[in-house]
Amino acid sequence: MQLADMVSTFLGRSVDVSRGGLFVASAETRRVGTLLRVRVLGPRGEAVFAVGVVVRCFSDLEGSHEGALSPGMAVALTSTSEAWDRFWEDVSTTDGDDDDESSDDEDGA
């Protein structure tokens, strides 16, 4: 994923995505309150855009791996497009299918 503020553009990796926000793992983080433009590639290869604000920063988002830190940030989306909504529907439908199967297994069904 590509993120941009008023000064520069940088790369990140989405760790968790929801309709209203996302967690981004990135070597570059921004201060809380920074407005970001987010660009991701949808499942069909199309560019999908959203705008959000940094609401929290982490020095180690996913846990240390052999002593390496994985910084990141939480971004609350403030503006999305129809393309983002379609992207979210694709992501949530795929994730929802997996969740349904695992919940059945846990219930013993």
PDB file of N, CA and C in Angstrom:
ATOM      1  N   MET A   1       0.839  -1.163   0.000  1.00  0.00           N
ATOM      2  CA  MET A   1       0.000   0.000   0.000  1.00  0.00           C
ATOM      3  C   MET A   1       0.889   1.232   0.000  1.00  0.00           C
ATOM      4  N   GLN A   2       0.367   2.284  -0.572  1.00  0.00           N
ATOM      5  CA  GLN A   2       1.099   3.547  -0.646  1.00  0.00           C
ATOM      6  C   GLN A   2       0.337   4.576   0.186  1.00  0.00           C
ATOM      7  N   LEU A   3       1.086   5.330   0.988  1.00  0.00           N
ATOM      8  CA  LEU A   3       0.493   6.369   1.814  1.00  0.00           C
ATOM      9  C   LEU A   3       1.184   7.691   1.500  1.00  0.00           C
ATOM     10  N   ALA A   4       0.439   8.782   1.600  1.00  0.00           N
ATOM     11  CA  ALA A   4       1.018  10.092   1.322  1.00  0.00           C
ATOM     12  C   ALA A   4       0.459  11.112   2.302  1.00  0.00           C
ATOM     13  N   ASP A   5       1.361  11.983   2.783  1.00  0.00           N
ATOM     14  CA  ASP A   5       0.921  13.132   3.568  1.00  0.00           C
ATOM     15  C   ASP A   5       1.201  14.371   2.731  1.00  0.00           C
ATOM     16  N   MET A   6       1.191  15.528   3.324  1.00  0.00           N
ATOM     17  CA  MET A   6       1.397  16.765   2.564  1.00  0.00           C
ATOM     18  C   MET A   6       2.851  16.929   2.119  1.00  0.00           C
ATOM     19  N   VAL A   7       3.767  16.127   2.671  1.00  0.00           N
ATOM     20  CA  VAL A   7       5.189  16.292   2.396  1.00  0.00           C
ATOM     21  C   VAL A   7       5.759  15.193   1.498  1.00  0.00           C
ATOM     22  N   SER A   8       5.385  13.944   1.765  1.00  0.00           N
ATOM     23  CA  SER A   8       6.017  12.844   1.039  1.00  0.00           C
ATOM     24  C   SER A   8       5.087  11.643   0.904  1.00  0.00           C
ATOM     25  N   THR A   9       5.571  10.683   0.121  1.00  0.00           N
ATOM     26  CA  THR A   9       4.877   9.424  -0.092  1.00  0.00           C
ATOM     27  C   THR A   9       5.750   8.308   0.459  1.00  0.00           C
ATOM     28  N   PHE A  10       5.119   7.301   1.083  1.00  0.00           N
ATOM     29  CA  PHE A  10       5.882   6.182   1.628  1.00  0.00           C
ATOM     30  C   PHE A  10       5.048   4.914   1.523  1.00  0.00           C
ATOM     31  N   LEU A  11       5.706   3.781   1.736  1.00  0.00           N
ATOM     32  CA  LEU A  11       5.040   2.485   1.592  1.00  0.00           C
ATOM     33  C   LEU A  11       4.743   1.869   2.951  1.00  0.00           C
ATOM     34  N   GLY A  12       3.695   1.084   2.990  1.00  0.00           N
ATOM     35  CA  GLY A  12       3.329   0.359   4.196  1.00  0.00           C
ATOM     36  C   GLY A  12       2.641  -0.928   3.802  1.00  0.00           C
ATOM     37  N   ARG A  13       2.343  -1.742   4.796  1.00  0.00           N
ATOM     38  CA  ARG A  13       1.656  -3.010   4.578  1.00  0.00           C
ATOM     39  C   ARG A  13       0.438  -3.044   5.487  1.00  0.00           C
ATOM     40  N   SER A  14      -0.727  -3.296   4.919  1.00  0.00           N
ATOM     41  CA  SER A  14      -1.926  -3.357   5.743  1.00  0.00           C
ATOM     42  C   SER A  14      -1.898  -4.645   6.554  1.00  0.00           C
ATOM     43  N   VAL A  15      -2.082  -4.485   7.860  1.00  0.00           N
ATOM     44  CA  VAL A  15      -2.066  -5.626   8.763  1.00  0.00           C
ATOM     45  C   VAL A  15      -3.496  -6.041   9.076  1.00  0.00           C
ATOM     46  N   ASP A  16      -4.377  -5.079   9.183  1.00  0.00           N
ATOM     47  CA  ASP A  16      -5.778  -5.342   9.498  1.00  0.00           C
ATOM     48  C   ASP A  16      -6.592  -4.227   8.851  1.00  0.00           C
ATOM     49  N   VAL A  17      -7.639  -4.590   8.133  1.00  0.00           N
ATOM     50  CA  VAL A  17      -8.454  -3.609   7.421  1.00  0.00           C
ATOM     51  C   VAL A  17      -9.903  -3.763   7.864  1.00  0.00           C
ATOM     52  N   SER A  18     -10.570  -2.637   8.102  1.00  0.00           N
ATOM     53  CA  SER A  18     -12.006  -2.654   8.372  1.00  0.00           C
ATOM     54  C   SER A  18     -12.652  -1.577   7.508  1.00  0.00           C
ATOM     55  N   ARG A  19     -13.965  -1.513   7.546  1.00  0.00           N
ATOM     56  CA  ARG A  19     -14.651  -0.500   6.746  1.00  0.00           C
ATOM     57  C   ARG A  19     -14.230   0.912   7.167  1.00  0.00           C
ATOM     58  N   GLY A  20     -13.943   1.110   8.457  1.00  0.00           N
ATOM     59  CA  GLY A  20     -13.661   2.451   8.959  1.00  0.00           C
ATOM     60  C   GLY A  20     -12.215   2.760   9.259  1.00  0.00           C
ATOM     61  N   GLY A  21     -11.318   1.811   9.015  1.00  0.00           N
ATOM     62  CA  GLY A  21      -9.923   2.088   9.319  1.00  0.00           C
ATOM     63  C   GLY A  21      -9.014   0.924   9.012  1.00  0.00           C
ATOM     64  N   LEU A  22      -7.729   1.113   9.295  1.00  0.00           N
ATOM     65  CA  LEU A  22      -6.766   0.065   9.061  1.00  0.00           C
ATOM     66  C   LEU A  22      -5.546   0.250   9.939  1.00  0.00           C
ATOM     67  N   PHE A  23      -4.843  -0.845  10.179  1.00  0.00           N
ATOM     68  CA  PHE A  23      -3.546  -0.810  10.828  1.00  0.00           C
ATOM     69  C   PHE A  23      -2.504  -0.969   9.740  1.00  0.00           C
ATOM     70  N   VAL A  24      -1.486  -0.124   9.787  1.00  0.00           N
ATOM     71  CA  VAL A  24      -0.452  -0.119   8.764  1.00  0.00           C
ATOM     72  C   VAL A  24       0.897  -0.396   9.410  1.00  0.00           C
ATOM     73  N   ALA A  25       1.592  -1.421   8.934  1.00  0.00           N
ATOM     74  CA  ALA A  25       2.974  -1.671   9.335  1.00  0.00           C
ATOM     75  C   ALA A  25       3.855  -0.913   8.349  1.00  0.00           C
ATOM     76  N   SER A  26       4.723  -0.064   8.869  1.00  0.00           N
ATOM     77  CA  SER A  26       5.581   0.741   8.001  1.00  0.00           C
ATOM     78  C   SER A  26       6.801   1.210   8.780  1.00  0.00           C
ATOM     79  N   ALA A  27       7.941   1.223   8.105  1.00  0.00           N
ATOM     80  CA  ALA A  27       9.152   1.753   8.731  1.00  0.00           C
ATOM     81  C   ALA A  27       8.991   3.245   9.012  1.00  0.00           C
ATOM     82  N   GLU A  28       8.156   3.910   8.234  1.00  0.00           N
ATOM     83  CA  GLU A  28       7.875   5.333   8.430  1.00  0.00           C
ATOM     84  C   GLU A  28       6.502   5.488   9.057  1.00  0.00           C
ATOM     85  N   THR A  29       6.426   6.201  10.142  1.00  0.00           N
ATOM     86  CA  THR A  29       5.137   6.507  10.750  1.00  0.00           C
ATOM     87  C   THR A  29       4.962   8.021  10.761  1.00  0.00           C
ATOM     88  N   ARG A  30       3.762   8.456  11.036  1.00  0.00           N
ATOM     89  CA  ARG A  30       3.457   9.880  11.122  1.00  0.00           C
ATOM     90  C   ARG A  30       2.839  10.162  12.480  1.00  0.00           C
ATOM     91  N   ARG A  31       2.872  11.419  12.869  1.00  0.00           N
ATOM     92  CA  ARG A  31       2.328  11.830  14.162  1.00  0.00           C
ATOM     93  C   ARG A  31       0.814  11.674  14.185  1.00  0.00           C
ATOM     94  N   VAL A  32       0.280  11.418  15.378  1.00  0.00           N
ATOM     95  CA  VAL A  32      -1.165  11.367  15.556  1.00  0.00           C
ATOM     96  C   VAL A  32      -1.754  12.685  15.057  1.00  0.00           C
ATOM     97  N   GLY A  33      -2.828  12.591  14.300  1.00  0.00           N
ATOM     98  CA  GLY A  33      -3.476  13.765  13.739  1.00  0.00           C
ATOM     99  C   GLY A  33      -3.091  14.056  12.299  1.00  0.00           C
ATOM    100  N   THR A  34      -2.065  13.362  11.781  1.00  0.00           N
ATOM    101  CA  THR A  34      -1.629  13.568  10.396  1.00  0.00           C
ATOM    102  C   THR A  34      -2.663  13.005   9.429  1.00  0.00           C
ATOM    103  N   LEU A  35      -3.026  13.799   8.439  1.00  0.00           N
ATOM    104  CA  LEU A  35      -3.946  13.376   7.396  1.00  0.00           C
ATOM    105  C   LEU A  35      -3.162  12.614   6.332  1.00  0.00           C
ATOM    106  N   LEU A  36      -3.669  11.439   5.934  1.00  0.00           N
ATOM    107  CA  LEU A  36      -2.994  10.599   4.948  1.00  0.00           C
ATOM    108  C   LEU A  36      -3.927  10.232   3.805  1.00  0.00           C
ATOM    109  N   ARG A  37      -3.365  10.149   2.629  1.00  0.00           N
ATOM    110  CA  ARG A  37      -4.070   9.582   1.484  1.00  0.00           C
ATOM    111  C   ARG A  37      -3.559   8.153   1.334  1.00  0.00           C
ATOM    112  N   VAL A  38      -4.480   7.202   1.284  1.00  0.00           N
ATOM    113  CA  VAL A  38      -4.146   5.784   1.249  1.00  0.00           C
ATOM    114  C   VAL A  38      -4.483   5.232  -0.130  1.00  0.00           C
ATOM    115  N   ARG A  39      -3.546   4.479  -0.700  1.00  0.00           N
ATOM    116  CA  ARG A  39      -3.767   3.839  -2.004  1.00  0.00           C
ATOM    117  C   ARG A  39      -3.421   2.366  -1.867  1.00  0.00           C
ATOM    118  N   VAL A  40      -4.382   1.507  -2.156  1.00  0.00           N
ATOM    119  CA  VAL A  40      -4.150   0.061  -2.148  1.00  0.00           C
ATOM    120  C   VAL A  40      -4.561  -0.501  -3.502  1.00  0.00           C
ATOM    121  N   LEU A  41      -4.053  -1.678  -3.798  1.00  0.00           N
ATOM    122  CA  LEU A  41      -4.476  -2.364  -5.015  1.00  0.00           C
ATOM    123  C   LEU A  41      -5.592  -3.325  -4.659  1.00  0.00           C
ATOM    124  N   GLY A  42      -6.702  -3.198  -5.358  1.00  0.00           N
ATOM    125  CA  GLY A  42      -7.842  -4.073  -5.145  1.00  0.00           C
ATOM    126  C   GLY A  42      -7.579  -5.454  -5.708  1.00  0.00           C
ATOM    127  N   PRO A  43      -8.489  -6.386  -5.491  1.00  0.00           N
ATOM    128  CA  PRO A  43      -8.296  -7.765  -5.939  1.00  0.00           C
ATOM    129  C   PRO A  43      -8.194  -7.920  -7.454  1.00  0.00           C
ATOM    130  N   ARG A  44      -8.711  -6.970  -8.187  1.00  0.00           N
ATOM    131  CA  ARG A  44      -8.625  -7.027  -9.653  1.00  0.00           C
ATOM    132  C   ARG A  44      -7.486  -6.161 -10.181  1.00  0.00           C
ATOM    133  N   GLY A  45      -6.625  -5.679  -9.278  1.00  0.00           N
ATOM    134  CA  GLY A  45      -5.475  -4.881  -9.678  1.00  0.00           C
ATOM    135  C   GLY A  45      -5.761  -3.401  -9.818  1.00  0.00           C
ATOM    136  N   GLU A  46      -6.986  -2.977  -9.508  1.00  0.00           N
ATOM    137  CA  GLU A  46      -7.333  -1.570  -9.631  1.00  0.00           C
ATOM    138  C   GLU A  46      -6.871  -0.793  -8.392  1.00  0.00           C
ATOM    139  N   ALA A  47      -6.496   0.468  -8.587  1.00  0.00           N
ATOM    140  CA  ALA A  47      -6.103   1.328  -7.473  1.00  0.00           C
ATOM    141  C   ALA A  47      -7.351   1.780  -6.725  1.00  0.00           C
ATOM    142  N   VAL A  48      -7.316   1.662  -5.399  1.00  0.00           N
ATOM    143  CA  VAL A  48      -8.425   2.049  -4.542  1.00  0.00           C
ATOM    144  C   VAL A  48      -7.898   3.093  -3.569  1.00  0.00           C
ATOM    145  N   PHE A  49      -8.612   4.222  -3.440  1.00  0.00           N
ATOM    146  CA  PHE A  49      -8.140   5.331  -2.614  1.00  0.00           C
ATOM    147  C   PHE A  49      -9.067   5.593  -1.434  1.00  0.00           C
ATOM    148  N   ALA A  50      -8.472   6.105  -0.365  1.00  0.00           N
ATOM    149  CA  ALA A  50      -9.222   6.559   0.800  1.00  0.00           C
ATOM    150  C   ALA A  50      -8.384   7.642   1.474  1.00  0.00           C
ATOM    151  N   VAL A  51      -9.016   8.408   2.339  1.00  0.00           N
ATOM    152  CA  VAL A  51      -8.328   9.432   3.126  1.00  0.00           C
ATOM    153  C   VAL A  51      -8.586   9.124   4.588  1.00  0.00           C
ATOM    154  N   GLY A  52      -7.554   9.265   5.401  1.00  0.00           N
ATOM    155  CA  GLY A  52      -7.710   8.984   6.821  1.00  0.00           C
ATOM    156  C   GLY A  52      -6.771   9.811   7.662  1.00  0.00           C
ATOM    157  N   VAL A  53      -6.923   9.668   8.959  1.00  0.00           N
ATOM    158  CA  VAL A  53      -6.099  10.395   9.911  1.00  0.00           C
ATOM    159  C   VAL A  53      -5.443   9.395  10.868  1.00  0.00           C
ATOM    160  N   VAL A  54      -4.178   9.623  11.181  1.00  0.00           N
ATOM    161  CA  VAL A  54      -3.459   8.765  12.119  1.00  0.00           C
ATOM    162  C   VAL A  54      -4.041   8.992  13.514  1.00  0.00           C
ATOM    163  N   VAL A  55      -4.481   7.894  14.147  1.00  0.00           N
ATOM    164  CA  VAL A  55      -5.071   8.004  15.482  1.00  0.00           C
ATOM    165  C   VAL A  55      -4.208   7.369  16.564  1.00  0.00           C
ATOM    166  N   ARG A  56      -3.231   6.548  16.153  1.00  0.00           N
ATOM    167  CA  ARG A  56      -2.346   5.935  17.136  1.00  0.00           C
ATOM    168  C   ARG A  56      -1.099   5.416  16.442  1.00  0.00           C
ATOM    169  N   CYS A  57       0.037   5.524  17.118  1.00  0.00           N
ATOM    170  CA  CYS A  57       1.299   5.002  16.584  1.00  0.00           C
ATOM    171  C   CYS A  57       1.828   3.912  17.506  1.00  0.00           C
ATOM    172  N   PHE A  58       2.510   2.939  16.909  1.00  0.00           N
ATOM    173  CA  PHE A  58       3.058   1.808  17.652  1.00  0.00           C
ATOM    174  C   PHE A  58       4.537   1.667  17.326  1.00  0.00           C
ATOM    175  N   SER A  59       5.336   1.393  18.328  1.00  0.00           N
ATOM    176  CA  SER A  59       6.754   1.160  18.059  1.00  0.00           C
ATOM    177  C   SER A  59       6.990  -0.278  17.638  1.00  0.00           C
ATOM    178  N   ASP A  60       6.077  -1.191  18.002  1.00  0.00           N
ATOM    179  CA  ASP A  60       6.216  -2.597  17.646  1.00  0.00           C
ATOM    180  C   ASP A  60       4.828  -3.176  17.409  1.00  0.00           C
ATOM    181  N   LEU A  61       4.363  -3.100  16.172  1.00  0.00           N
ATOM    182  CA  LEU A  61       2.991  -3.465  15.831  1.00  0.00           C
ATOM    183  C   LEU A  61       2.707  -4.959  15.932  1.00  0.00           C
ATOM    184  N   GLU A  62       3.610  -5.794  15.439  1.00  0.00           N
ATOM    185  CA  GLU A  62       3.326  -7.228  15.362  1.00  0.00           C
ATOM    186  C   GLU A  62       4.180  -8.070  16.298  1.00  0.00           C
ATOM    187  N   GLY A  63       4.971  -7.461  17.117  1.00  0.00           N
ATOM    188  CA  GLY A  63       5.865  -8.226  17.984  1.00  0.00           C
ATOM    189  C   GLY A  63       7.239  -8.320  17.355  1.00  0.00           C
ATOM    190  N   SER A  64       8.218  -8.415  18.187  1.00  0.00           N
ATOM    191  CA  SER A  64       9.593  -8.473  17.704  1.00  0.00           C
ATOM    192  C   SER A  64       9.898  -9.830  17.084  1.00  0.00           C
ATOM    193  N   HIS A  65      10.597  -9.796  15.984  1.00  0.00           N
ATOM    194  CA  HIS A  65      11.071 -11.006  15.318  1.00  0.00           C
ATOM    195  C   HIS A  65      12.587 -10.918  15.292  1.00  0.00           C
ATOM    196  N   GLU A  66      13.217 -11.740  16.100  1.00  0.00           N
ATOM    197  CA  GLU A  66      14.673 -11.747  16.197  1.00  0.00           C
ATOM    198  C   GLU A  66      15.211 -10.361  16.500  1.00  0.00           C
ATOM    199  N   GLY A  67      14.548  -9.638  17.394  1.00  0.00           N
ATOM    200  CA  GLY A  67      15.038  -8.341  17.832  1.00  0.00           C
ATOM    201  C   GLY A  67      14.655  -7.183  16.944  1.00  0.00           C
ATOM    202  N   ALA A  68      14.013  -7.443  15.801  1.00  0.00           N
ATOM    203  CA  ALA A  68      13.637  -6.358  14.891  1.00  0.00           C
ATOM    204  C   ALA A  68      12.277  -5.786  15.291  1.00  0.00           C
ATOM    205  N   LEU A  69      12.172  -4.481  15.308  1.00  0.00           N
ATOM    206  CA  LEU A  69      10.903  -3.832  15.603  1.00  0.00           C
ATOM    207  C   LEU A  69      10.095  -3.663  14.330  1.00  0.00           C
ATOM    208  N   SER A  70       8.781  -3.703  14.468  1.00  0.00           N
ATOM    209  CA  SER A  70       7.879  -3.502  13.347  1.00  0.00           C
ATOM    210  C   SER A  70       6.956  -2.336  13.686  1.00  0.00           C
ATOM    211  N   PRO A  71       7.393  -1.096  13.442  1.00  0.00           N
ATOM    212  CA  PRO A  71       6.550   0.045  13.779  1.00  0.00           C
ATOM    213  C   PRO A  71       5.330   0.137  12.871  1.00  0.00           C
ATOM    214  N   GLY A  72       4.308   0.829  13.349  1.00  0.00           N
ATOM    215  CA  GLY A  72       3.105   0.985  12.550  1.00  0.00           C
ATOM    216  C   GLY A  72       2.183   2.021  13.150  1.00  0.00           C
ATOM    217  N   MET A  73       0.990   2.126  12.554  1.00  0.00           N
ATOM    218  CA  MET A  73       0.033   3.125  13.014  1.00  0.00           C
ATOM    219  C   MET A  73      -1.381   2.702  12.678  1.00  0.00           C
ATOM    220  N   ALA A  74      -2.306   3.213  13.470  1.00  0.00           N
ATOM    221  CA  ALA A  74      -3.727   3.009  13.221  1.00  0.00           C
ATOM    222  C   ALA A  74      -4.237   4.240  12.483  1.00  0.00           C
ATOM    223  N   VAL A  75      -4.975   4.004  11.417  1.00  0.00           N
ATOM    224  CA  VAL A  75      -5.503   5.093  10.590  1.00  0.00           C
ATOM    225  C   VAL A  75      -7.028   4.966  10.548  1.00  0.00           C
ATOM    226  N   ALA A  76      -7.720   6.009  11.002  1.00  0.00           N
ATOM    227  CA  ALA A  76      -9.185   6.055  10.905  1.00  0.00           C
ATOM    228  C   ALA A  76      -9.532   6.715   9.581  1.00  0.00           C
ATOM    229  N   LEU A  77     -10.342   6.044   8.780  1.00  0.00           N
ATOM    230  CA  LEU A  77     -10.701   6.592   7.473  1.00  0.00           C
ATOM    231  C   LEU A  77     -11.766   7.669   7.630  1.00  0.00           C
ATOM    232  N   THR A  78     -11.542   8.783   6.958  1.00  0.00           N
ATOM    233  CA  THR A  78     -12.478   9.902   7.024  1.00  0.00           C
ATOM    234  C   THR A  78     -13.234  10.098   5.718  1.00  0.00           C
ATOM    235  N   SER A  79     -12.697   9.545   4.630  1.00  0.00           N
ATOM    236  CA  SER A  79     -13.340   9.670   3.329  1.00  0.00           C
ATOM    237  C   SER A  79     -12.980   8.452   2.491  1.00  0.00           C
ATOM    238  N   THR A  80     -14.001   7.802   1.963  1.00  0.00           N
ATOM    239  CA  THR A  80     -13.777   6.640   1.110  1.00  0.00           C
ATOM    240  C   THR A  80     -14.561   6.818  -0.182  1.00  0.00           C
ATOM    241  N   SER A  81     -14.288   5.947  -1.121  1.00  0.00           N
ATOM    242  CA  SER A  81     -14.968   5.998  -2.416  1.00  0.00           C
ATOM    243  C   SER A  81     -15.812   4.740  -2.592  1.00  0.00           C
ATOM    244  N   GLU A  82     -16.594   4.710  -3.653  1.00  0.00           N
ATOM    245  CA  GLU A  82     -17.344   3.498  -3.978  1.00  0.00           C
ATOM    246  C   GLU A  82     -16.381   2.344  -4.236  1.00  0.00           C
ATOM    247  N   ALA A  83     -15.222   2.655  -4.819  1.00  0.00           N
ATOM    248  CA  ALA A  83     -14.222   1.609  -5.071  1.00  0.00           C
ATOM    249  C   ALA A  83     -13.732   1.017  -3.752  1.00  0.00           C
ATOM    250  N   TRP A  84     -13.550   1.872  -2.721  1.00  0.00           N
ATOM    251  CA  TRP A  84     -13.134   1.362  -1.409  1.00  0.00           C
ATOM    252  C   TRP A  84     -14.228   0.461  -0.842  1.00  0.00           C
ATOM    253  N   ASP A  85     -15.476   0.856  -0.981  1.00  0.00           N
ATOM    254  CA  ASP A  85     -16.587   0.042  -0.482  1.00  0.00           C
ATOM    255  C   ASP A  85     -16.597  -1.331  -1.159  1.00  0.00           C
ATOM    256  N   ARG A  86     -16.356  -1.370  -2.469  1.00  0.00           N
ATOM    257  CA  ARG A  86     -16.293  -2.651  -3.186  1.00  0.00           C
ATOM    258  C   ARG A  86     -15.103  -3.476  -2.692  1.00  0.00           C
ATOM    259  N   PHE A  87     -13.956  -2.797  -2.498  1.00  0.00           N
ATOM    260  CA  PHE A  87     -12.762  -3.462  -1.971  1.00  0.00           C
ATOM    261  C   PHE A  87     -13.073  -4.072  -0.606  1.00  0.00           C
ATOM    262  N   TRP A  88     -13.705  -3.299   0.274  1.00  0.00           N
ATOM    263  CA  TRP A  88     -14.041  -3.783   1.608  1.00  0.00           C
ATOM    264  C   TRP A  88     -15.003  -4.969   1.531  1.00  0.00           C
ATOM    265  N   GLU A  89     -15.992  -4.889   0.642  1.00  0.00           N
ATOM    266  CA  GLU A  89     -16.932  -6.007   0.488  1.00  0.00           C
ATOM    267  C   GLU A  89     -16.195  -7.278   0.072  1.00  0.00           C
ATOM    268  N   ASP A  90     -15.243  -7.144  -0.872  1.00  0.00           N
ATOM    269  CA  ASP A  90     -14.462  -8.307  -1.312  1.00  0.00           C
ATOM    270  C   ASP A  90     -13.653  -8.886  -0.153  1.00  0.00           C
ATOM    271  N   VAL A  91     -13.002  -8.018   0.613  1.00  0.00           N
ATOM    272  CA  VAL A  91     -12.166  -8.458   1.737  1.00  0.00           C
ATOM    273  C   VAL A  91     -13.016  -9.093   2.825  1.00  0.00           C
ATOM    274  N   SER A  92     -14.107  -8.449   3.194  1.00  0.00           N
ATOM    275  CA  SER A  92     -14.920  -8.955   4.304  1.00  0.00           C
ATOM    276  C   SER A  92     -15.653 -10.240   3.928  1.00  0.00           C
ATOM    277  N   THR A  93     -16.045 -10.393   2.675  1.00  0.00           N
ATOM    278  CA  THR A  93     -16.705 -11.618   2.237  1.00  0.00           C
ATOM    279  C   THR A  93     -15.739 -12.793   2.319  1.00  0.00           C
ATOM    280  N   THR A  94     -14.515 -12.590   1.878  1.00  0.00           N
ATOM    281  CA  THR A  94     -13.498 -13.637   1.931  1.00  0.00           C
ATOM    282  C   THR A  94     -13.194 -14.006   3.372  1.00  0.00           C
ATOM    283  N   ASP A  95     -12.980 -13.002   4.242  1.00  0.00           N
ATOM    284  CA  ASP A  95     -12.682 -13.260   5.649  1.00  0.00           C
ATOM    285  C   ASP A  95     -13.878 -13.884   6.354  1.00  0.00           C
ATOM    286  N   GLY A  96     -15.080 -13.454   6.017  1.00  0.00           N
ATOM    287  CA  GLY A  96     -16.284 -13.962   6.656  1.00  0.00           C
ATOM    288  C   GLY A  96     -16.493 -15.437   6.400  1.00  0.00           C
ATOM    289  N   ASP A  97     -16.138 -15.897   5.205  1.00  0.00           N
ATOM    290  CA  ASP A  97     -16.280 -17.317   4.887  1.00  0.00           C
ATOM    291  C   ASP A  97     -15.400 -18.157   5.794  1.00  0.00           C
ATOM    292  N   ASP A  98     -14.159 -17.703   6.026  1.00  0.00           N
ATOM    293  CA  ASP A  98     -13.234 -18.429   6.888  1.00  0.00           C
ATOM    294  C   ASP A  98     -13.732 -18.442   8.318  1.00  0.00           C
ATOM    295  N   ASP A  99     -14.264 -17.312   8.789  1.00  0.00           N
ATOM    296  CA  ASP A  99     -14.736 -17.215  10.164  1.00  0.00           C
ATOM    297  C   ASP A  99     -15.907 -18.145  10.399  1.00  0.00           C
ATOM    298  N   ASP A 100     -16.829 -18.257   9.430  1.00  0.00           N
ATOM    299  CA  ASP A 100     -17.982 -19.113   9.590  1.00  0.00           C
ATOM    300  C   ASP A 100     -17.578 -20.576   9.743  1.00  0.00           C
ATOM    301  N   GLU A 101     -16.607 -21.012   8.937  1.00  0.00           N
ATOM    302  CA  GLU A 101     -16.168 -22.397   9.012  1.00  0.00           C
ATOM    303  C   GLU A 101     -15.484 -22.682  10.343  1.00  0.00           C
ATOM    304  N   SER A 102     -14.652 -21.766  10.819  1.00  0.00           N
ATOM    305  CA  SER A 102     -13.944 -22.007  12.069  1.00  0.00           C
ATOM    306  C   SER A 102     -14.886 -21.995  13.252  1.00  0.00           C
ATOM    307  N   SER A 103     -15.944 -21.177  13.230  1.00  0.00           N
ATOM    308  CA  SER A 103     -16.881 -21.155  14.347  1.00  0.00           C
ATOM    309  C   SER A 103     -17.685 -22.438  14.398  1.00  0.00           C
ATOM    310  N   ASP A 104     -17.969 -23.053  13.248  1.00  0.00           N
ATOM    311  CA  ASP A 104     -18.653 -24.328  13.236  1.00  0.00           C
ATOM    312  C   ASP A 104     -17.785 -25.403  13.879  1.00  0.00           C
ATOM    313  N   ASP A 105     -16.481 -25.389  13.561  1.00  0.00           N
ATOM    314  CA  ASP A 105     -15.574 -26.373  14.116  1.00  0.00           C
ATOM    315  C   ASP A 105     -15.484 -26.241  15.630  1.00  0.00           C
ATOM    316  N   GLU A 106     -15.474 -25.021  16.125  1.00  0.00           N
ATOM    317  CA  GLU A 106     -15.356 -24.794  17.554  1.00  0.00           C
ATOM    318  C   GLU A 106     -16.592 -25.297  18.294  1.00  0.00           C
ATOM    319  N   ASP A 107     -17.772 -25.229  17.660  1.00  0.00           N
ATOM    320  CA  ASP A 107     -19.005 -25.672  18.284  1.00  0.00           C
ATOM    321  C   ASP A 107     -19.184 -27.184  18.202  1.00  0.00           C
ATOM    322  N   GLY A 108     -18.277 -27.827  17.475  1.00  0.00           N
ATOM    323  CA  GLY A 108     -18.385 -29.265  17.329  1.00  0.00           C
ATOM    324  C   GLY A 108     -19.365 -29.687  16.255  1.00  0.00           C
ATOM    325  N   ALA A 109     -19.843 -28.744  15.448  1.00  0.00           N
ATOM    326  CA  ALA A 109     -20.814 -29.072  14.392  1.00  0.00           C
ATOM    327  C   ALA A 109     -20.129 -29.569  13.155  1.00  0.00           C
TER     328      ALA A 109
END
